[in-house]
Amino acid sequence: MPSAERNQLLALVVHIGLGEDTTWQGYTPWAVVRSCARAVEALLPDLTAWALEGTHEARTWALALAAYNPDSWISLGVDVVQLMPGIDTATVHLVRHATSGTIPAETLIDTILASDDDLREYYQEVIAEVPQNRQARQLVLELAVAGRL
């Protein structure tokens, strides 16, 4: 399968597993959304193993999925640095916060947003409106979508 198709497939799978961050309200019963999130979370160990082999798409989407499932990620004992060769330090720190379930400092988020006007606009219009404990994971997801992980 070509890289672009792998990327699209993994993005779709991860998006199916976003749980409360999907657009499920009014369309799908919560039990179904939660069941999908659990099923996708169960893929994290295998996706991480594939990512550790060096496949770029697997690295990107394993990190995005890990941001939504920090407890499962922590249990794997993998450091995000292993999946982020050549990625800037600020982004590594943000992903580390998201995958550990901690809230990053505003200065770190500002550093990430400083280099991308579109991402900054999306953050201000959408991500900044969600509870603070969900902002880092949503920002990591947007970095994955933008190809910055």
C-alpha atoms as a PDB file:
ATOM      1  CA  MET A   1       0.000   0.000   0.000  1.00  0.00           C
ATOM      2  CA  PRO A   2       1.443   3.415  -0.913  1.00  0.00           C
ATOM      3  CA  SER A   3       2.414   5.796   1.881  1.00  0.00           C
ATOM      4  CA  ALA A   4      -0.419   8.271   1.221  1.00  0.00           C
ATOM      5  CA  GLU A   5      -3.008   5.496   1.423  1.00  0.00           C
ATOM      6  CA  ARG A   6      -1.480   4.112   4.647  1.00  0.00           C
ATOM      7  CA  ASN A   7      -1.591   7.612   6.099  1.00  0.00           C
ATOM      8  CA  GLN A   8      -5.271   8.063   5.180  1.00  0.00           C
ATOM      9  CA  LEU A   9      -6.232   4.653   6.553  1.00  0.00           C
ATOM     10  CA  LEU A  10      -4.433   5.205   9.857  1.00  0.00           C
ATOM     11  CA  ALA A  11      -5.931   8.696  10.167  1.00  0.00           C
ATOM     12  CA  LEU A  12      -9.394   7.230   9.685  1.00  0.00           C
ATOM     13  CA  VAL A  13      -8.811   4.520  12.287  1.00  0.00           C
ATOM     14  CA  VAL A  14      -7.500   7.000  14.837  1.00  0.00           C
ATOM     15  CA  HIS A  15     -10.405   9.374  14.192  1.00  0.00           C
ATOM     16  CA  ILE A  16     -12.875   6.529  14.766  1.00  0.00           C
ATOM     17  CA  GLY A  17     -11.294   6.078  18.187  1.00  0.00           C
ATOM     18  CA  LEU A  18     -11.459   9.675  19.422  1.00  0.00           C
ATOM     19  CA  GLY A  19     -14.401   9.031  21.717  1.00  0.00           C
ATOM     20  CA  GLU A  20     -15.781  12.255  23.161  1.00  0.00           C
ATOM     21  CA  ASP A  21     -13.829  14.340  20.646  1.00  0.00           C
ATOM     22  CA  THR A  22     -15.748  12.971  17.671  1.00  0.00           C
ATOM     23  CA  THR A  23     -18.863  14.544  16.190  1.00  0.00           C
ATOM     24  CA  TRP A  24     -21.011  11.737  17.546  1.00  0.00           C
ATOM     25  CA  GLN A  25     -23.544  13.832  19.443  1.00  0.00           C
ATOM     26  CA  GLY A  26     -26.943  13.403  17.876  1.00  0.00           C
ATOM     27  CA  TYR A  27     -25.728  10.834  15.379  1.00  0.00           C
ATOM     28  CA  THR A  28     -24.516   7.791  17.275  1.00  0.00           C
ATOM     29  CA  PRO A  29     -25.337   6.408  20.703  1.00  0.00           C
ATOM     30  CA  TRP A  30     -22.601   7.041  23.272  1.00  0.00           C
ATOM     31  CA  ALA A  31     -22.213   3.289  23.864  1.00  0.00           C
ATOM     32  CA  VAL A  32     -21.230   2.792  20.224  1.00  0.00           C
ATOM     33  CA  VAL A  33     -18.778   5.703  20.310  1.00  0.00           C
ATOM     34  CA  ARG A  34     -17.180   4.333  23.471  1.00  0.00           C
ATOM     35  CA  SER A  35     -17.014   0.822  22.005  1.00  0.00           C
ATOM     36  CA  CYS A  36     -15.224   2.166  18.919  1.00  0.00           C
ATOM     37  CA  ALA A  37     -12.794   4.119  21.103  1.00  0.00           C
ATOM     38  CA  ARG A  38     -11.957   0.992  23.101  1.00  0.00           C
ATOM     39  CA  ALA A  39     -11.475  -1.075  19.947  1.00  0.00           C
ATOM     40  CA  VAL A  40      -9.102   1.482  18.454  1.00  0.00           C
ATOM     41  CA  GLU A  41      -7.251   1.854  21.770  1.00  0.00           C
ATOM     42  CA  ALA A  42      -6.622  -1.910  21.661  1.00  0.00           C
ATOM     43  CA  LEU A  43      -4.645  -1.344  18.446  1.00  0.00           C
ATOM     44  CA  LEU A  44      -2.105   0.910  20.181  1.00  0.00           C
ATOM     45  CA  PRO A  45       0.416  -1.839  21.105  1.00  0.00           C
ATOM     46  CA  ASP A  46       0.534  -3.226  17.560  1.00  0.00           C
ATOM     47  CA  LEU A  47       0.579   0.226  15.964  1.00  0.00           C
ATOM     48  CA  THR A  48       3.420   1.234  18.297  1.00  0.00           C
ATOM     49  CA  ALA A  49       5.394  -1.920  17.432  1.00  0.00           C
ATOM     50  CA  TRP A  50       4.979  -1.070  13.755  1.00  0.00           C
ATOM     51  CA  ALA A  51       5.986   2.542  14.448  1.00  0.00           C
ATOM     52  CA  LEU A  52       9.156   1.381  16.203  1.00  0.00           C
ATOM     53  CA  GLU A  53      10.139  -0.364  12.970  1.00  0.00           C
ATOM     54  CA  GLY A  54      10.382   3.117  11.431  1.00  0.00           C
ATOM     55  CA  THR A  55       7.289   3.499   9.284  1.00  0.00           C
ATOM     56  CA  HIS A  56       6.570   7.247   9.264  1.00  0.00           C
ATOM     57  CA  GLU A  57       2.784   6.939   9.027  1.00  0.00           C
ATOM     58  CA  ALA A  58       2.694   4.441  11.887  1.00  0.00           C
ATOM     59  CA  ARG A  59       4.855   6.766  14.022  1.00  0.00           C
ATOM     60  CA  THR A  60       2.596   9.747  13.354  1.00  0.00           C
ATOM     61  CA  TRP A  61      -0.679   8.006  14.098  1.00  0.00           C
ATOM     62  CA  ALA A  62       0.651   5.965  17.028  1.00  0.00           C
ATOM     63  CA  LEU A  63       1.536   9.262  18.702  1.00  0.00           C
ATOM     64  CA  ALA A  64      -1.884  10.743  17.926  1.00  0.00           C
ATOM     65  CA  LEU A  65      -3.605   7.642  19.300  1.00  0.00           C
ATOM     66  CA  ALA A  66      -1.323   7.650  22.353  1.00  0.00           C
ATOM     67  CA  ALA A  67      -2.345  11.248  23.088  1.00  0.00           C
ATOM     68  CA  TYR A  68      -5.937  10.041  23.427  1.00  0.00           C
ATOM     69  CA  ASN A  69      -4.975   6.989  25.493  1.00  0.00           C
ATOM     70  CA  PRO A  70      -2.181   8.039  27.847  1.00  0.00           C
ATOM     71  CA  ASP A  71      -2.706   5.185  30.324  1.00  0.00           C
ATOM     72  CA  SER A  72      -2.325   2.596  27.573  1.00  0.00           C
ATOM     73  CA  TRP A  73       0.672   4.449  26.162  1.00  0.00           C
ATOM     74  CA  ILE A  74       2.414   4.632  29.542  1.00  0.00           C
ATOM     75  CA  SER A  75       1.919   0.884  30.016  1.00  0.00           C
ATOM     76  CA  LEU A  76       3.908   0.262  26.808  1.00  0.00           C
ATOM     77  CA  GLY A  77       7.024   1.890  28.270  1.00  0.00           C
ATOM     78  CA  VAL A  78       7.931   3.663  25.042  1.00  0.00           C
ATOM     79  CA  ASP A  79       9.415   7.162  25.056  1.00  0.00           C
ATOM     80  CA  VAL A  80       7.904   9.483  22.440  1.00  0.00           C
ATOM     81  CA  VAL A  81      11.415  10.466  21.377  1.00  0.00           C
ATOM     82  CA  GLN A  82      11.795   6.993  19.861  1.00  0.00           C
ATOM     83  CA  LEU A  83       9.010   7.831  17.408  1.00  0.00           C
ATOM     84  CA  MET A  84      10.005  11.435  16.713  1.00  0.00           C
ATOM     85  CA  PRO A  85      13.387  11.505  14.957  1.00  0.00           C
ATOM     86  CA  GLY A  86      14.170  14.955  13.639  1.00  0.00           C
ATOM     87  CA  ILE A  87      11.160  16.610  15.288  1.00  0.00           C
ATOM     88  CA  ASP A  88      11.733  19.916  17.091  1.00  0.00           C
ATOM     89  CA  THR A  89      12.083  19.927  20.865  1.00  0.00           C
ATOM     90  CA  ALA A  90       8.913  21.932  21.539  1.00  0.00           C
ATOM     91  CA  THR A  91       6.780  19.454  19.618  1.00  0.00           C
ATOM     92  CA  VAL A  92       8.422  16.538  21.448  1.00  0.00           C
ATOM     93  CA  HIS A  93       7.596  18.192  24.777  1.00  0.00           C
ATOM     94  CA  LEU A  94       3.986  18.800  23.732  1.00  0.00           C
ATOM     95  CA  VAL A  95       3.559  15.180  22.648  1.00  0.00           C
ATOM     96  CA  ARG A  96       5.156  14.023  25.897  1.00  0.00           C
ATOM     97  CA  HIS A  97       2.548  16.054  27.844  1.00  0.00           C
ATOM     98  CA  ALA A  98      -0.317  14.720  25.753  1.00  0.00           C
ATOM     99  CA  THR A  99       0.804  11.100  26.021  1.00  0.00           C
ATOM    100  CA  SER A 100       1.229  11.388  29.777  1.00  0.00           C
ATOM    101  CA  GLY A 101      -2.096  13.134  30.328  1.00  0.00           C
ATOM    102  CA  THR A 102      -0.522  16.307  31.709  1.00  0.00           C
ATOM    103  CA  ILE A 103      -1.282  19.905  30.799  1.00  0.00           C
ATOM    104  CA  PRO A 104       1.518  21.783  29.016  1.00  0.00           C
ATOM    105  CA  ALA A 105       2.466  25.352  29.890  1.00  0.00           C
ATOM    106  CA  GLU A 106       0.943  28.073  27.737  1.00  0.00           C
ATOM    107  CA  THR A 107       4.462  29.112  26.678  1.00  0.00           C
ATOM    108  CA  LEU A 108       5.002  25.679  25.122  1.00  0.00           C
ATOM    109  CA  ILE A 109       1.723  25.891  23.217  1.00  0.00           C
ATOM    110  CA  ASP A 110       2.624  29.417  22.073  1.00  0.00           C
ATOM    111  CA  THR A 111       5.945  28.110  20.756  1.00  0.00           C
ATOM    112  CA  ILE A 112       4.175  25.382  18.771  1.00  0.00           C
ATOM    113  CA  LEU A 113       1.624  27.816  17.355  1.00  0.00           C
ATOM    114  CA  ALA A 114       4.165  30.520  16.474  1.00  0.00           C
ATOM    115  CA  SER A 115       5.314  28.725  13.342  1.00  0.00           C
ATOM    116  CA  ASP A 116       1.922  27.936  11.805  1.00  0.00           C
ATOM    117  CA  ASP A 117      -0.778  30.577  11.253  1.00  0.00           C
ATOM    118  CA  ASP A 118      -3.427  28.047  10.235  1.00  0.00           C
ATOM    119  CA  LEU A 119      -2.794  25.904  13.292  1.00  0.00           C
ATOM    120  CA  ARG A 120      -2.858  28.977  15.543  1.00  0.00           C
ATOM    121  CA  GLU A 121      -6.185  30.060  14.074  1.00  0.00           C
ATOM    122  CA  TYR A 122      -7.656  26.568  14.515  1.00  0.00           C
ATOM    123  CA  TYR A 123      -6.362  26.434  18.079  1.00  0.00           C
ATOM    124  CA  GLN A 124      -7.919  29.793  18.925  1.00  0.00           C
ATOM    125  CA  GLU A 125     -11.263  28.995  17.292  1.00  0.00           C
ATOM    126  CA  VAL A 126     -11.680  25.356  18.306  1.00  0.00           C
ATOM    127  CA  ILE A 127      -9.130  23.825  20.659  1.00  0.00           C
ATOM    128  CA  ALA A 128      -8.968  26.735  23.106  1.00  0.00           C
ATOM    129  CA  GLU A 129     -12.712  26.283  23.688  1.00  0.00           C
ATOM    130  CA  VAL A 130     -12.450  22.716  25.002  1.00  0.00           C
ATOM    131  CA  PRO A 131     -11.495  21.852  28.584  1.00  0.00           C
ATOM    132  CA  GLN A 132      -7.796  22.391  29.262  1.00  0.00           C
ATOM    133  CA  ASN A 133      -7.173  18.699  29.954  1.00  0.00           C
ATOM    134  CA  ARG A 134      -8.172  17.881  26.333  1.00  0.00           C
ATOM    135  CA  GLN A 135      -6.281  20.636  24.536  1.00  0.00           C
ATOM    136  CA  ALA A 136      -2.864  18.964  24.247  1.00  0.00           C
ATOM    137  CA  ARG A 137      -4.296  15.800  22.714  1.00  0.00           C
ATOM    138  CA  GLN A 138      -6.308  17.783  20.195  1.00  0.00           C
ATOM    139  CA  LEU A 139      -3.263  19.830  19.282  1.00  0.00           C
ATOM    140  CA  VAL A 140      -1.229  16.643  18.774  1.00  0.00           C
ATOM    141  CA  LEU A 141      -3.999  15.310  16.528  1.00  0.00           C
ATOM    142  CA  GLU A 142      -3.881  18.488  14.447  1.00  0.00           C
ATOM    143  CA  LEU A 143      -0.092  18.222  14.192  1.00  0.00           C
ATOM    144  CA  ALA A 144      -0.545  14.666  12.914  1.00  0.00           C
ATOM    145  CA  VAL A 145      -3.109  15.802  10.347  1.00  0.00           C
ATOM    146  CA  ALA A 146      -0.730  18.585   9.246  1.00  0.00           C
ATOM    147  CA  GLY A 147       2.134  16.085   8.856  1.00  0.00           C
ATOM    148  CA  ARG A 148       4.230  17.688  11.600  1.00  0.00           C
ATOM    149  CA  LEU A 149       4.842  14.562  13.710  1.00  0.00           C
END
